[in-house]
């Protein structure tokens, strides 16, 4: 395994956002249906929304993901650890999302703020386990609003559960359940059991692709990110001298990475991404919309490839993004 991959640092937010971006609309709808107990048709209209806003002192704030399906908005936040201010942050993200995408003037002339429905996905499960995040907003002594966000712990789902319930964006984080074990004293036999489970997950992922449950693009990216997240755990364990046989772990990861993906062409996926952007702009009926659609998909594709460790030159050549613009995208991605 090359040193670049061995020394990888997994950007959890970047992986989650890129994974959501890489989903076909129908798969994103299926994911939302399961996580928010909805029943949208897979042919429903989907609009992926801007997540960026600025504070009064011009600092940029960005939630992880905002999407509108039909006339409902959903906010998805990926969180490594619980903290006491998470409820405040998710409310702030919801307010900003409502201000940008959900502000309307009702028939009676009064402004309405339609908040997105929020969910927080925790990658780690500690001692403090929550069913939901609550925040009480007191407008006046007589007028109080209670704000709630769903809480989902990745560790509560098996790999099969994730595949069966369309939780494809969370597949790369499956190995996080083993982090605590590997960062503390353990045996080589423990590591063998972990690697055996991860190999089985890799086989299940490939089987899902062959059955048409996931696309070649989802398989390609999910597998690479899955490997990168686990390599990040290996490296953390190395730093505290708890990993017993890192060479065997890297060998298994390389074996998973080398598994061919029959029928998947990354360059074809890139071309289809650009075509998708063209169609999006064309349907809006504006020349600038066409350009915006193509540019948006190029940026999304570039971020996905960066998260997968594809070299800068290949990304620039495949997407057609100028070197100067690519450096800006790269810098923004590294800040996430």
C-alpha atoms as a PDB file:
ATOM      1  CA  UNK A   1       0.000   0.000   0.000  1.00  0.00           C
ATOM      2  CA  UNK A   2       1.411   3.394  -0.971  1.00  0.00           C
ATOM      3  CA  UNK A   3       2.540   5.789   1.745  1.00  0.00           C
ATOM      4  CA  UNK A   4      -0.037   8.435   0.771  1.00  0.00           C
ATOM      5  CA  UNK A   5      -2.872   6.023   1.553  1.00  0.00           C
ATOM      6  CA  UNK A   6      -1.141   4.691   4.658  1.00  0.00           C
ATOM      7  CA  UNK A   7      -0.837   8.218   6.040  1.00  0.00           C
ATOM      8  CA  UNK A   8      -4.347   9.259   5.078  1.00  0.00           C
ATOM      9  CA  UNK A   9      -6.387  11.501   7.365  1.00  0.00           C
ATOM     10  CA  UNK A  10     -10.098  10.865   6.999  1.00  0.00           C
ATOM     11  CA  UNK A  11     -12.179  14.035   6.673  1.00  0.00           C
ATOM     12  CA  UNK A  12     -15.483  12.781   8.090  1.00  0.00           C
ATOM     13  CA  UNK A  13     -17.554  15.810   7.074  1.00  0.00           C
ATOM     14  CA  UNK A  14     -16.075  15.779   3.575  1.00  0.00           C
ATOM     15  CA  UNK A  15     -16.716  12.052   3.173  1.00  0.00           C
ATOM     16  CA  UNK A  16     -20.321  12.344   4.385  1.00  0.00           C
ATOM     17  CA  UNK A  17     -21.115  15.293   2.117  1.00  0.00           C
ATOM     18  CA  UNK A  18     -19.473  13.697  -0.902  1.00  0.00           C
ATOM     19  CA  UNK A  19     -21.270  10.434  -0.209  1.00  0.00           C
ATOM     20  CA  UNK A  20     -24.640  12.194  -0.086  1.00  0.00           C
ATOM     21  CA  UNK A  21     -23.793  14.151  -3.230  1.00  0.00           C
ATOM     22  CA  UNK A  22     -22.865  10.969  -5.098  1.00  0.00           C
ATOM     23  CA  UNK A  23     -26.279   9.371  -4.484  1.00  0.00           C
ATOM     24  CA  UNK A  24     -28.820   9.221  -7.276  1.00  0.00           C
ATOM     25  CA  UNK A  25     -31.967  11.183  -6.425  1.00  0.00           C
ATOM     26  CA  UNK A  26     -34.021   8.018  -5.939  1.00  0.00           C
ATOM     27  CA  UNK A  27     -31.451   6.628  -3.460  1.00  0.00           C
ATOM     28  CA  UNK A  28     -31.391   9.924  -1.562  1.00  0.00           C
ATOM     29  CA  UNK A  29     -35.196   9.796  -1.346  1.00  0.00           C
ATOM     30  CA  UNK A  30     -35.046   6.222  -0.014  1.00  0.00           C
ATOM     31  CA  UNK A  31     -32.487   7.317   2.587  1.00  0.00           C
ATOM     32  CA  UNK A  32     -34.675  10.254   3.695  1.00  0.00           C
ATOM     33  CA  UNK A  33     -37.783   8.048   3.760  1.00  0.00           C
ATOM     34  CA  UNK A  34     -36.150   5.631   6.178  1.00  0.00           C
ATOM     35  CA  UNK A  35     -34.348   8.094   8.431  1.00  0.00           C
ATOM     36  CA  UNK A  36     -37.278  10.538   8.734  1.00  0.00           C
ATOM     37  CA  UNK A  37     -40.155   8.009   8.493  1.00  0.00           C
ATOM     38  CA  UNK A  38     -41.444   9.524   5.241  1.00  0.00           C
ATOM     39  CA  UNK A  39     -43.126   7.936   2.247  1.00  0.00           C
ATOM     40  CA  UNK A  40     -42.012   9.975  -0.766  1.00  0.00           C
ATOM     41  CA  UNK A  41     -42.223   8.422  -4.194  1.00  0.00           C
ATOM     42  CA  UNK A  42     -38.757   7.739  -5.668  1.00  0.00           C
ATOM     43  CA  UNK A  43     -39.859   9.957  -8.561  1.00  0.00           C
ATOM     44  CA  UNK A  44     -40.407  12.955  -6.265  1.00  0.00           C
ATOM     45  CA  UNK A  45     -38.702  16.236  -7.082  1.00  0.00           C
ATOM     46  CA  UNK A  46     -35.355  16.614  -5.312  1.00  0.00           C
ATOM     47  CA  UNK A  47     -33.380  19.810  -4.858  1.00  0.00           C
ATOM     48  CA  UNK A  48     -30.024  19.789  -3.089  1.00  0.00           C
ATOM     49  CA  UNK A  49     -29.684  23.144  -1.380  1.00  0.00           C
ATOM     50  CA  UNK A  50     -26.821  25.478  -0.580  1.00  0.00           C
ATOM     51  CA  UNK A  51     -25.589  24.998   2.987  1.00  0.00           C
ATOM     52  CA  UNK A  52     -23.505  28.150   3.304  1.00  0.00           C
ATOM     53  CA  UNK A  53     -24.381  31.392   5.084  1.00  0.00           C
ATOM     54  CA  UNK A  54     -22.452  34.259   6.633  1.00  0.00           C
ATOM     55  CA  UNK A  55     -22.591  35.679  10.145  1.00  0.00           C
ATOM     56  CA  UNK A  56     -22.765  39.419  10.817  1.00  0.00           C
ATOM     57  CA  UNK A  57     -18.945  39.496  11.093  1.00  0.00           C
ATOM     58  CA  UNK A  58     -18.724  37.769   7.666  1.00  0.00           C
ATOM     59  CA  UNK A  59     -17.624  34.405   9.051  1.00  0.00           C
ATOM     60  CA  UNK A  60     -18.925  31.543   6.942  1.00  0.00           C
ATOM     61  CA  UNK A  61     -21.147  28.930   8.574  1.00  0.00           C
ATOM     62  CA  UNK A  62     -22.037  25.676   6.880  1.00  0.00           C
ATOM     63  CA  UNK A  63     -24.203  22.758   7.937  1.00  0.00           C
ATOM     64  CA  UNK A  64     -23.445  19.344   6.444  1.00  0.00           C
ATOM     65  CA  UNK A  65     -26.411  18.803   4.129  1.00  0.00           C
ATOM     66  CA  UNK A  66     -29.701  20.417   3.167  1.00  0.00           C
ATOM     67  CA  UNK A  67     -32.143  18.892   0.712  1.00  0.00           C
ATOM     68  CA  UNK A  68     -35.712  19.624  -0.358  1.00  0.00           C
ATOM     69  CA  UNK A  69     -38.006  16.793  -1.454  1.00  0.00           C
ATOM     70  CA  UNK A  70     -41.291  18.057  -2.853  1.00  0.00           C
ATOM     71  CA  UNK A  71     -42.227  20.810  -0.358  1.00  0.00           C
ATOM     72  CA  UNK A  72     -40.341  19.477   2.694  1.00  0.00           C
ATOM     73  CA  UNK A  73     -36.783  20.347   3.743  1.00  0.00           C
ATOM     74  CA  UNK A  74     -34.341  18.105   5.609  1.00  0.00           C
ATOM     75  CA  UNK A  75     -31.123  18.970   7.443  1.00  0.00           C
ATOM     76  CA  UNK A  76     -28.493  16.264   7.953  1.00  0.00           C
ATOM     77  CA  UNK A  77     -25.583  16.804  10.322  1.00  0.00           C
ATOM     78  CA  UNK A  78     -22.680  14.394  10.894  1.00  0.00           C
ATOM     79  CA  UNK A  79     -21.169  14.547  14.369  1.00  0.00           C
ATOM     80  CA  UNK A  80     -18.154  12.710  15.760  1.00  0.00           C
ATOM     81  CA  UNK A  81     -18.834  13.312  19.448  1.00  0.00           C
ATOM     82  CA  UNK A  82     -21.677  14.610  21.541  1.00  0.00           C
ATOM     83  CA  UNK A  83     -21.243  18.052  23.042  1.00  0.00           C
ATOM     84  CA  UNK A  84     -23.426  20.291  25.154  1.00  0.00           C
ATOM     85  CA  UNK A  85     -23.946  22.885  22.404  1.00  0.00           C
ATOM     86  CA  UNK A  86     -25.007  20.535  19.600  1.00  0.00           C
ATOM     87  CA  UNK A  87     -28.694  21.399  20.081  1.00  0.00           C
ATOM     88  CA  UNK A  88     -27.872  25.110  19.778  1.00  0.00           C
ATOM     89  CA  UNK A  89     -25.823  24.550  16.614  1.00  0.00           C
ATOM     90  CA  UNK A  90     -28.460  22.425  14.910  1.00  0.00           C
ATOM     91  CA  UNK A  91     -31.084  25.074  15.729  1.00  0.00           C
ATOM     92  CA  UNK A  92     -28.785  27.758  14.296  1.00  0.00           C
ATOM     93  CA  UNK A  93     -28.269  25.710  11.110  1.00  0.00           C
ATOM     94  CA  UNK A  94     -32.017  25.185  10.862  1.00  0.00           C
ATOM     95  CA  UNK A  95     -32.731  28.888  11.293  1.00  0.00           C
ATOM     96  CA  UNK A  96     -30.189  29.816   8.616  1.00  0.00           C
ATOM     97  CA  UNK A  97     -31.592  27.152   6.289  1.00  0.00           C
ATOM     98  CA  UNK A  98     -35.105  28.498   6.826  1.00  0.00           C
ATOM     99  CA  UNK A  99     -33.953  32.067   6.220  1.00  0.00           C
ATOM    100  CA  UNK A 100     -32.315  31.165   2.906  1.00  0.00           C
ATOM    101  CA  UNK A 101     -34.607  28.433   1.590  1.00  0.00           C
ATOM    102  CA  UNK A 102     -37.804  28.406   3.640  1.00  0.00           C
ATOM    103  CA  UNK A 103     -38.862  32.031   4.081  1.00  0.00           C
ATOM    104  CA  UNK A 104     -42.247  32.873   2.574  1.00  0.00           C
ATOM    105  CA  UNK A 105     -44.961  35.480   2.909  1.00  0.00           C
ATOM    106  CA  UNK A 106     -48.192  33.739   3.870  1.00  0.00           C
ATOM    107  CA  UNK A 107     -51.608  34.637   2.463  1.00  0.00           C
ATOM    108  CA  UNK A 108     -52.264  36.913   5.452  1.00  0.00           C
ATOM    109  CA  UNK A 109     -49.083  38.886   4.679  1.00  0.00           C
ATOM    110  CA  UNK A 110     -47.078  37.504   7.607  1.00  0.00           C
ATOM    111  CA  UNK A 111     -43.608  36.081   7.100  1.00  0.00           C
ATOM    112  CA  UNK A 112     -43.278  32.346   7.700  1.00  0.00           C
ATOM    113  CA  UNK A 113     -40.030  30.520   8.430  1.00  0.00           C
ATOM    114  CA  UNK A 114     -40.260  26.889   7.386  1.00  0.00           C
ATOM    115  CA  UNK A 115     -37.484  25.081   9.252  1.00  0.00           C
ATOM    116  CA  UNK A 116     -35.881  21.985   7.766  1.00  0.00           C
ATOM    117  CA  UNK A 117     -36.495  18.734   9.639  1.00  0.00           C
ATOM    118  CA  UNK A 118     -33.160  17.937  11.362  1.00  0.00           C
ATOM    119  CA  UNK A 119     -31.302  14.711  12.087  1.00  0.00           C
ATOM    120  CA  UNK A 120     -27.877  14.273  13.678  1.00  0.00           C
ATOM    121  CA  UNK A 121     -25.846  11.175  12.838  1.00  0.00           C
ATOM    122  CA  UNK A 122     -23.310  10.300  15.527  1.00  0.00           C
ATOM    123  CA  UNK A 123     -20.282   8.345  14.342  1.00  0.00           C
ATOM    124  CA  UNK A 124     -19.329   7.376  17.887  1.00  0.00           C
ATOM    125  CA  UNK A 125     -21.543   6.170  20.705  1.00  0.00           C
ATOM    126  CA  UNK A 126     -20.339   7.192  24.154  1.00  0.00           C
ATOM    127  CA  UNK A 127     -21.800   6.868  27.623  1.00  0.00           C
ATOM    128  CA  UNK A 128     -24.296   9.671  27.046  1.00  0.00           C
ATOM    129  CA  UNK A 129     -26.960   8.245  24.721  1.00  0.00           C
ATOM    130  CA  UNK A 130     -29.755  10.479  23.442  1.00  0.00           C
ATOM    131  CA  UNK A 131     -33.036   9.764  21.666  1.00  0.00           C
ATOM    132  CA  UNK A 132     -33.246  13.322  20.384  1.00  0.00           C
ATOM    133  CA  UNK A 133     -31.769  16.775  20.817  1.00  0.00           C
ATOM    134  CA  UNK A 134     -34.090  19.281  22.465  1.00  0.00           C
ATOM    135  CA  UNK A 135     -33.924  23.035  22.699  1.00  0.00           C
ATOM    136  CA  UNK A 136     -36.495  25.345  24.251  1.00  0.00           C
ATOM    137  CA  UNK A 137     -36.790  28.841  22.771  1.00  0.00           C
ATOM    138  CA  UNK A 138     -38.682  31.308  24.955  1.00  0.00           C
ATOM    139  CA  UNK A 139     -40.035  34.119  22.787  1.00  0.00           C
ATOM    140  CA  UNK A 140     -42.050  35.716  25.609  1.00  0.00           C
ATOM    141  CA  UNK A 141     -43.017  34.368  29.046  1.00  0.00           C
ATOM    142  CA  UNK A 142     -46.215  33.038  27.473  1.00  0.00           C
ATOM    143  CA  UNK A 143     -44.783  31.878  24.145  1.00  0.00           C
ATOM    144  CA  UNK A 144     -42.266  29.019  24.154  1.00  0.00           C
ATOM    145  CA  UNK A 145     -41.152  26.896  21.203  1.00  0.00           C
ATOM    146  CA  UNK A 146     -39.557  23.479  21.620  1.00  0.00           C
ATOM    147  CA  UNK A 147     -37.148  22.450  18.877  1.00  0.00           C
ATOM    148  CA  UNK A 148     -36.226  18.759  18.450  1.00  0.00           C
ATOM    149  CA  UNK A 149     -33.762  16.934  16.212  1.00  0.00           C
ATOM    150  CA  UNK A 150     -33.626  13.207  15.571  1.00  0.00           C
ATOM    151  CA  UNK A 151     -30.511  11.398  16.807  1.00  0.00           C
ATOM    152  CA  UNK A 152     -29.111   8.373  14.968  1.00  0.00           C
ATOM    153  CA  UNK A 153     -26.125   6.351  16.147  1.00  0.00           C
ATOM    154  CA  UNK A 154     -24.296   4.550  13.348  1.00  0.00           C
ATOM    155  CA  UNK A 155     -23.211   1.843  15.808  1.00  0.00           C
ATOM    156  CA  UNK A 156     -26.849   0.791  16.256  1.00  0.00           C
ATOM    157  CA  UNK A 157     -26.958  -0.477  12.654  1.00  0.00           C
ATOM    158  CA  UNK A 158     -25.291  -3.557  11.234  1.00  0.00           C
ATOM    159  CA  UNK A 159     -23.802  -3.395   7.743  1.00  0.00           C
ATOM    160  CA  UNK A 160     -26.787  -5.378   6.475  1.00  0.00           C
ATOM    161  CA  UNK A 161     -29.141  -2.894   8.160  1.00  0.00           C
ATOM    162  CA  UNK A 162     -27.424  -0.025   6.360  1.00  0.00           C
ATOM    163  CA  UNK A 163     -27.792  -1.729   2.977  1.00  0.00           C
ATOM    164  CA  UNK A 164     -31.394  -2.808   3.617  1.00  0.00           C
ATOM    165  CA  UNK A 165     -32.421   0.665   4.821  1.00  0.00           C
ATOM    166  CA  UNK A 166     -30.655   2.673   2.072  1.00  0.00           C
ATOM    167  CA  UNK A 167     -28.172   4.165   4.533  1.00  0.00           C
ATOM    168  CA  UNK A 168     -25.502   4.217   1.817  1.00  0.00           C
ATOM    169  CA  UNK A 169     -23.937   7.545   2.934  1.00  0.00           C
ATOM    170  CA  UNK A 170     -23.161   5.980   6.337  1.00  0.00           C
ATOM    171  CA  UNK A 171     -21.444   2.828   4.989  1.00  0.00           C
ATOM    172  CA  UNK A 172     -17.934   4.362   5.098  1.00  0.00           C
ATOM    173  CA  UNK A 173     -18.271   4.895   8.854  1.00  0.00           C
ATOM    174  CA  UNK A 174     -19.166   1.320   9.777  1.00  0.00           C
ATOM    175  CA  UNK A 175     -15.668   0.612  11.166  1.00  0.00           C
ATOM    176  CA  UNK A 176     -15.974   3.447  13.698  1.00  0.00           C
ATOM    177  CA  UNK A 177     -17.600   0.924  16.072  1.00  0.00           C
ATOM    178  CA  UNK A 178     -14.174  -0.723  16.416  1.00  0.00           C
ATOM    179  CA  UNK A 179     -12.266   2.458  17.226  1.00  0.00           C
ATOM    180  CA  UNK A 180     -12.546   2.145  21.010  1.00  0.00           C
ATOM    181  CA  UNK A 181     -11.393  -1.475  20.918  1.00  0.00           C
ATOM    182  CA  UNK A 182      -8.360  -0.762  18.739  1.00  0.00           C
ATOM    183  CA  UNK A 183      -7.278   2.368  20.621  1.00  0.00           C
ATOM    184  CA  UNK A 184      -7.033   0.374  23.837  1.00  0.00           C
ATOM    185  CA  UNK A 185      -5.066  -2.733  24.759  1.00  0.00           C
ATOM    186  CA  UNK A 186      -6.236  -5.717  22.730  1.00  0.00           C
ATOM    187  CA  UNK A 187      -4.954  -8.930  21.139  1.00  0.00           C
ATOM    188  CA  UNK A 188      -3.956  -9.876  17.618  1.00  0.00           C
ATOM    189  CA  UNK A 189      -6.955 -12.190  17.621  1.00  0.00           C
ATOM    190  CA  UNK A 190      -9.198  -9.158  18.205  1.00  0.00           C
ATOM    191  CA  UNK A 191      -7.668  -7.517  15.132  1.00  0.00           C
ATOM    192  CA  UNK A 192      -8.224 -10.659  13.052  1.00  0.00           C
ATOM    193  CA  UNK A 193     -11.908 -10.659  13.993  1.00  0.00           C
ATOM    194  CA  UNK A 194     -12.245  -6.990  13.051  1.00  0.00           C
ATOM    195  CA  UNK A 195     -10.495  -7.501   9.699  1.00  0.00           C
ATOM    196  CA  UNK A 196     -12.612 -10.580   8.990  1.00  0.00           C
ATOM    197  CA  UNK A 197     -15.777  -8.556   9.579  1.00  0.00           C
ATOM    198  CA  UNK A 198     -14.566  -5.704   7.361  1.00  0.00           C
ATOM    199  CA  UNK A 199     -13.703  -8.157   4.569  1.00  0.00           C
ATOM    200  CA  UNK A 200     -17.201  -9.589   4.838  1.00  0.00           C
ATOM    201  CA  UNK A 201     -18.619  -6.060   4.600  1.00  0.00           C
ATOM    202  CA  UNK A 202     -16.574  -5.481   1.451  1.00  0.00           C
ATOM    203  CA  UNK A 203     -18.059  -8.638  -0.083  1.00  0.00           C
ATOM    204  CA  UNK A 204     -21.583  -7.507   0.842  1.00  0.00           C
ATOM    205  CA  UNK A 205     -20.925  -4.118  -0.713  1.00  0.00           C
ATOM    206  CA  UNK A 206     -19.827  -5.748  -3.967  1.00  0.00           C
ATOM    207  CA  UNK A 207     -22.845  -8.069  -3.913  1.00  0.00           C
ATOM    208  CA  UNK A 208     -25.135  -5.045  -3.501  1.00  0.00           C
ATOM    209  CA  UNK A 209     -23.526  -3.492  -6.593  1.00  0.00           C
ATOM    210  CA  UNK A 210     -23.937  -6.694  -8.619  1.00  0.00           C
ATOM    211  CA  UNK A 211     -27.614  -6.906  -7.631  1.00  0.00           C
ATOM    212  CA  UNK A 212     -28.172  -3.286  -8.685  1.00  0.00           C
ATOM    213  CA  UNK A 213     -28.962  -2.147  -5.129  1.00  0.00           C
ATOM    214  CA  UNK A 214     -26.203   0.467  -5.354  1.00  0.00           C
ATOM    215  CA  UNK A 215     -24.646   2.092  -8.406  1.00  0.00           C
ATOM    216  CA  UNK A 216     -21.067   1.582  -9.547  1.00  0.00           C
ATOM    217  CA  UNK A 217     -20.255   5.117  -8.443  1.00  0.00           C
ATOM    218  CA  UNK A 218     -21.672   4.538  -4.943  1.00  0.00           C
ATOM    219  CA  UNK A 219     -19.735   1.265  -4.735  1.00  0.00           C
ATOM    220  CA  UNK A 220     -16.491   2.885  -5.898  1.00  0.00           C
ATOM    221  CA  UNK A 221     -16.631   5.815  -3.497  1.00  0.00           C
ATOM    222  CA  UNK A 222     -18.112   3.914  -0.530  1.00  0.00           C
ATOM    223  CA  UNK A 223     -15.377   1.294  -0.720  1.00  0.00           C
ATOM    224  CA  UNK A 224     -12.560   3.842  -0.883  1.00  0.00           C
ATOM    225  CA  UNK A 225     -13.976   5.956   1.937  1.00  0.00           C
ATOM    226  CA  UNK A 226     -14.676   2.805   3.983  1.00  0.00           C
ATOM    227  CA  UNK A 227     -10.987   1.895   3.665  1.00  0.00           C
ATOM    228  CA  UNK A 228      -9.763   5.424   4.402  1.00  0.00           C
ATOM    229  CA  UNK A 229     -11.826   5.716   7.596  1.00  0.00           C
ATOM    230  CA  UNK A 230     -10.402   2.435   8.883  1.00  0.00           C
ATOM    231  CA  UNK A 231      -6.833   3.403   7.933  1.00  0.00           C
ATOM    232  CA  UNK A 232      -7.382   6.563   9.978  1.00  0.00           C
ATOM    233  CA  UNK A 233      -8.245   4.345  12.961  1.00  0.00           C
ATOM    234  CA  UNK A 234      -5.124   2.214  12.361  1.00  0.00           C
ATOM    235  CA  UNK A 235      -2.959   5.338  12.360  1.00  0.00           C
ATOM    236  CA  UNK A 236      -4.505   6.635  15.573  1.00  0.00           C
ATOM    237  CA  UNK A 237      -3.873   3.243  17.199  1.00  0.00           C
ATOM    238  CA  UNK A 238      -0.258   3.318  15.963  1.00  0.00           C
ATOM    239  CA  UNK A 239       0.219   6.696  17.635  1.00  0.00           C
ATOM    240  CA  UNK A 240      -0.755   5.240  21.014  1.00  0.00           C
ATOM    241  CA  UNK A 241       1.090   1.956  20.354  1.00  0.00           C
ATOM    242  CA  UNK A 242      -1.961  -0.291  20.629  1.00  0.00           C
ATOM    243  CA  UNK A 243      -2.092  -1.796  17.132  1.00  0.00           C
ATOM    244  CA  UNK A 244      -0.488  -5.254  17.090  1.00  0.00           C
ATOM    245  CA  UNK A 245      -0.127  -6.143  13.388  1.00  0.00           C
ATOM    246  CA  UNK A 246      -0.536  -3.065  11.228  1.00  0.00           C
ATOM    247  CA  UNK A 247       1.071  -4.683   8.170  1.00  0.00           C
ATOM    248  CA  UNK A 248      -1.632  -7.344   8.072  1.00  0.00           C
ATOM    249  CA  UNK A 249      -4.300  -4.662   8.375  1.00  0.00           C
ATOM    250  CA  UNK A 250      -2.779  -2.666   5.504  1.00  0.00           C
ATOM    251  CA  UNK A 251      -2.520  -5.862   3.435  1.00  0.00           C
ATOM    252  CA  UNK A 252      -6.231  -6.561   3.902  1.00  0.00           C
ATOM    253  CA  UNK A 253      -7.152  -2.960   3.083  1.00  0.00           C
ATOM    254  CA  UNK A 254      -5.035  -3.102  -0.090  1.00  0.00           C
ATOM    255  CA  UNK A 255      -6.710  -6.369  -1.083  1.00  0.00           C
ATOM    256  CA  UNK A 256     -10.111  -4.701  -0.718  1.00  0.00           C
ATOM    257  CA  UNK A 257      -8.927  -1.672  -2.676  1.00  0.00           C
ATOM    258  CA  UNK A 258      -7.560  -3.815  -5.511  1.00  0.00           C
ATOM    259  CA  UNK A 259     -10.831  -5.683  -6.031  1.00  0.00           C
ATOM    260  CA  UNK A 260     -11.949  -4.830  -9.596  1.00  0.00           C
ATOM    261  CA  UNK A 261     -15.284  -3.102 -10.152  1.00  0.00           C
ATOM    262  CA  UNK A 262     -16.712  -4.765 -13.243  1.00  0.00           C
ATOM    263  CA  UNK A 263     -18.654  -2.414 -15.461  1.00  0.00           C
ATOM    264  CA  UNK A 264     -17.692   0.782 -13.639  1.00  0.00           C
ATOM    265  CA  UNK A 265     -15.733   3.498 -15.436  1.00  0.00           C
ATOM    266  CA  UNK A 266     -14.787   6.499 -13.272  1.00  0.00           C
ATOM    267  CA  UNK A 267     -14.303   8.683 -16.365  1.00  0.00           C
ATOM    268  CA  UNK A 268     -17.778   7.764 -17.610  1.00  0.00           C
ATOM    269  CA  UNK A 269     -19.158   8.719 -14.182  1.00  0.00           C
ATOM    270  CA  UNK A 270     -17.463  12.097 -14.481  1.00  0.00           C
ATOM    271  CA  UNK A 271     -18.967  12.675 -17.930  1.00  0.00           C
ATOM    272  CA  UNK A 272     -22.426  11.688 -16.665  1.00  0.00           C
ATOM    273  CA  UNK A 273     -22.031  14.134 -13.779  1.00  0.00           C
ATOM    274  CA  UNK A 274     -21.373  16.961 -16.252  1.00  0.00           C
ATOM    275  CA  UNK A 275     -24.329  15.859 -18.408  1.00  0.00           C
ATOM    276  CA  UNK A 276     -26.516  15.901 -15.307  1.00  0.00           C
ATOM    277  CA  UNK A 277     -25.453  19.503 -14.677  1.00  0.00           C
ATOM    278  CA  UNK A 278     -26.295  20.445 -18.267  1.00  0.00           C
ATOM    279  CA  UNK A 279     -29.777  18.908 -17.975  1.00  0.00           C
ATOM    280  CA  UNK A 280     -30.408  20.650 -14.667  1.00  0.00           C
ATOM    281  CA  UNK A 281     -29.623  24.049 -16.164  1.00  0.00           C
ATOM    282  CA  UNK A 282     -31.525  23.289 -19.361  1.00  0.00           C
ATOM    283  CA  UNK A 283     -34.671  22.390 -17.427  1.00  0.00           C
ATOM    284  CA  UNK A 284     -34.453  25.729 -15.634  1.00  0.00           C
ATOM    285  CA  UNK A 285     -34.598  27.361 -19.070  1.00  0.00           C
ATOM    286  CA  UNK A 286     -31.674  29.719 -18.474  1.00  0.00           C
ATOM    287  CA  UNK A 287     -28.249  29.829 -20.102  1.00  0.00           C
ATOM    288  CA  UNK A 288     -26.717  30.887 -16.816  1.00  0.00           C
ATOM    289  CA  UNK A 289     -28.658  28.063 -15.154  1.00  0.00           C
ATOM    290  CA  UNK A 290     -27.024  25.624 -17.561  1.00  0.00           C
ATOM    291  CA  UNK A 291     -23.585  26.919 -16.651  1.00  0.00           C
ATOM    292  CA  UNK A 292     -24.385  26.949 -12.939  1.00  0.00           C
ATOM    293  CA  UNK A 293     -25.629  23.363 -13.130  1.00  0.00           C
ATOM    294  CA  UNK A 294     -22.470  22.148 -14.843  1.00  0.00           C
ATOM    295  CA  UNK A 295     -20.215  24.108 -12.470  1.00  0.00           C
ATOM    296  CA  UNK A 296     -22.050  22.826  -9.383  1.00  0.00           C
ATOM    297  CA  UNK A 297     -21.643  19.212 -10.475  1.00  0.00           C
ATOM    298  CA  UNK A 298     -17.989  19.730 -11.385  1.00  0.00           C
ATOM    299  CA  UNK A 299     -17.320  21.090  -7.893  1.00  0.00           C
ATOM    300  CA  UNK A 300     -19.230  18.212  -6.286  1.00  0.00           C
ATOM    301  CA  UNK A 301     -17.271  15.714  -8.384  1.00  0.00           C
ATOM    302  CA  UNK A 302     -13.954  17.384  -7.533  1.00  0.00           C
ATOM    303  CA  UNK A 303     -14.740  17.237  -3.815  1.00  0.00           C
ATOM    304  CA  UNK A 304     -15.696  13.561  -4.087  1.00  0.00           C
ATOM    305  CA  UNK A 305     -12.459  12.721  -5.880  1.00  0.00           C
ATOM    306  CA  UNK A 306     -10.420  14.709  -3.348  1.00  0.00           C
ATOM    307  CA  UNK A 307     -12.036  12.713  -0.536  1.00  0.00           C
ATOM    308  CA  UNK A 308     -11.064   9.529  -2.416  1.00  0.00           C
ATOM    309  CA  UNK A 309      -7.427  10.591  -2.742  1.00  0.00           C
ATOM    310  CA  UNK A 310      -7.412  10.991  -6.525  1.00  0.00           C
ATOM    311  CA  UNK A 311      -4.429  13.077  -7.658  1.00  0.00           C
ATOM    312  CA  UNK A 312      -4.869  16.793  -8.367  1.00  0.00           C
ATOM    313  CA  UNK A 313      -3.834  16.458 -12.021  1.00  0.00           C
ATOM    314  CA  UNK A 314      -6.411  13.751 -12.745  1.00  0.00           C
ATOM    315  CA  UNK A 315      -9.198  15.760 -11.075  1.00  0.00           C
ATOM    316  CA  UNK A 316      -8.334  18.895 -13.074  1.00  0.00           C
ATOM    317  CA  UNK A 317      -8.105  16.963 -16.348  1.00  0.00           C
ATOM    318  CA  UNK A 318     -11.323  15.024 -15.793  1.00  0.00           C
ATOM    319  CA  UNK A 319     -13.515  17.864 -14.543  1.00  0.00           C
ATOM    320  CA  UNK A 320     -12.133  20.697 -16.678  1.00  0.00           C
ATOM    321  CA  UNK A 321     -11.896  22.952 -13.609  1.00  0.00           C
ATOM    322  CA  UNK A 322      -9.135  25.526 -13.942  1.00  0.00           C
ATOM    323  CA  UNK A 323      -6.070  24.995 -11.699  1.00  0.00           C
ATOM    324  CA  UNK A 324      -6.800  28.272  -9.878  1.00  0.00           C
ATOM    325  CA  UNK A 325     -10.431  27.311  -9.165  1.00  0.00           C
ATOM    326  CA  UNK A 326      -9.335  23.817  -8.150  1.00  0.00           C
ATOM    327  CA  UNK A 327      -6.945  25.234  -5.549  1.00  0.00           C
ATOM    328  CA  UNK A 328      -9.833  27.264  -4.074  1.00  0.00           C
ATOM    329  CA  UNK A 329     -12.053  24.158  -3.938  1.00  0.00           C
ATOM    330  CA  UNK A 330      -9.233  22.178  -2.348  1.00  0.00           C
ATOM    331  CA  UNK A 331      -8.614  24.850   0.292  1.00  0.00           C
ATOM    332  CA  UNK A 332     -12.327  25.079   1.125  1.00  0.00           C
ATOM    333  CA  UNK A 333     -12.598  21.286   1.358  1.00  0.00           C
ATOM    334  CA  UNK A 334      -9.669  21.071   3.753  1.00  0.00           C
ATOM    335  CA  UNK A 335     -11.364  23.582   6.070  1.00  0.00           C
ATOM    336  CA  UNK A 336     -14.534  21.499   6.312  1.00  0.00           C
END
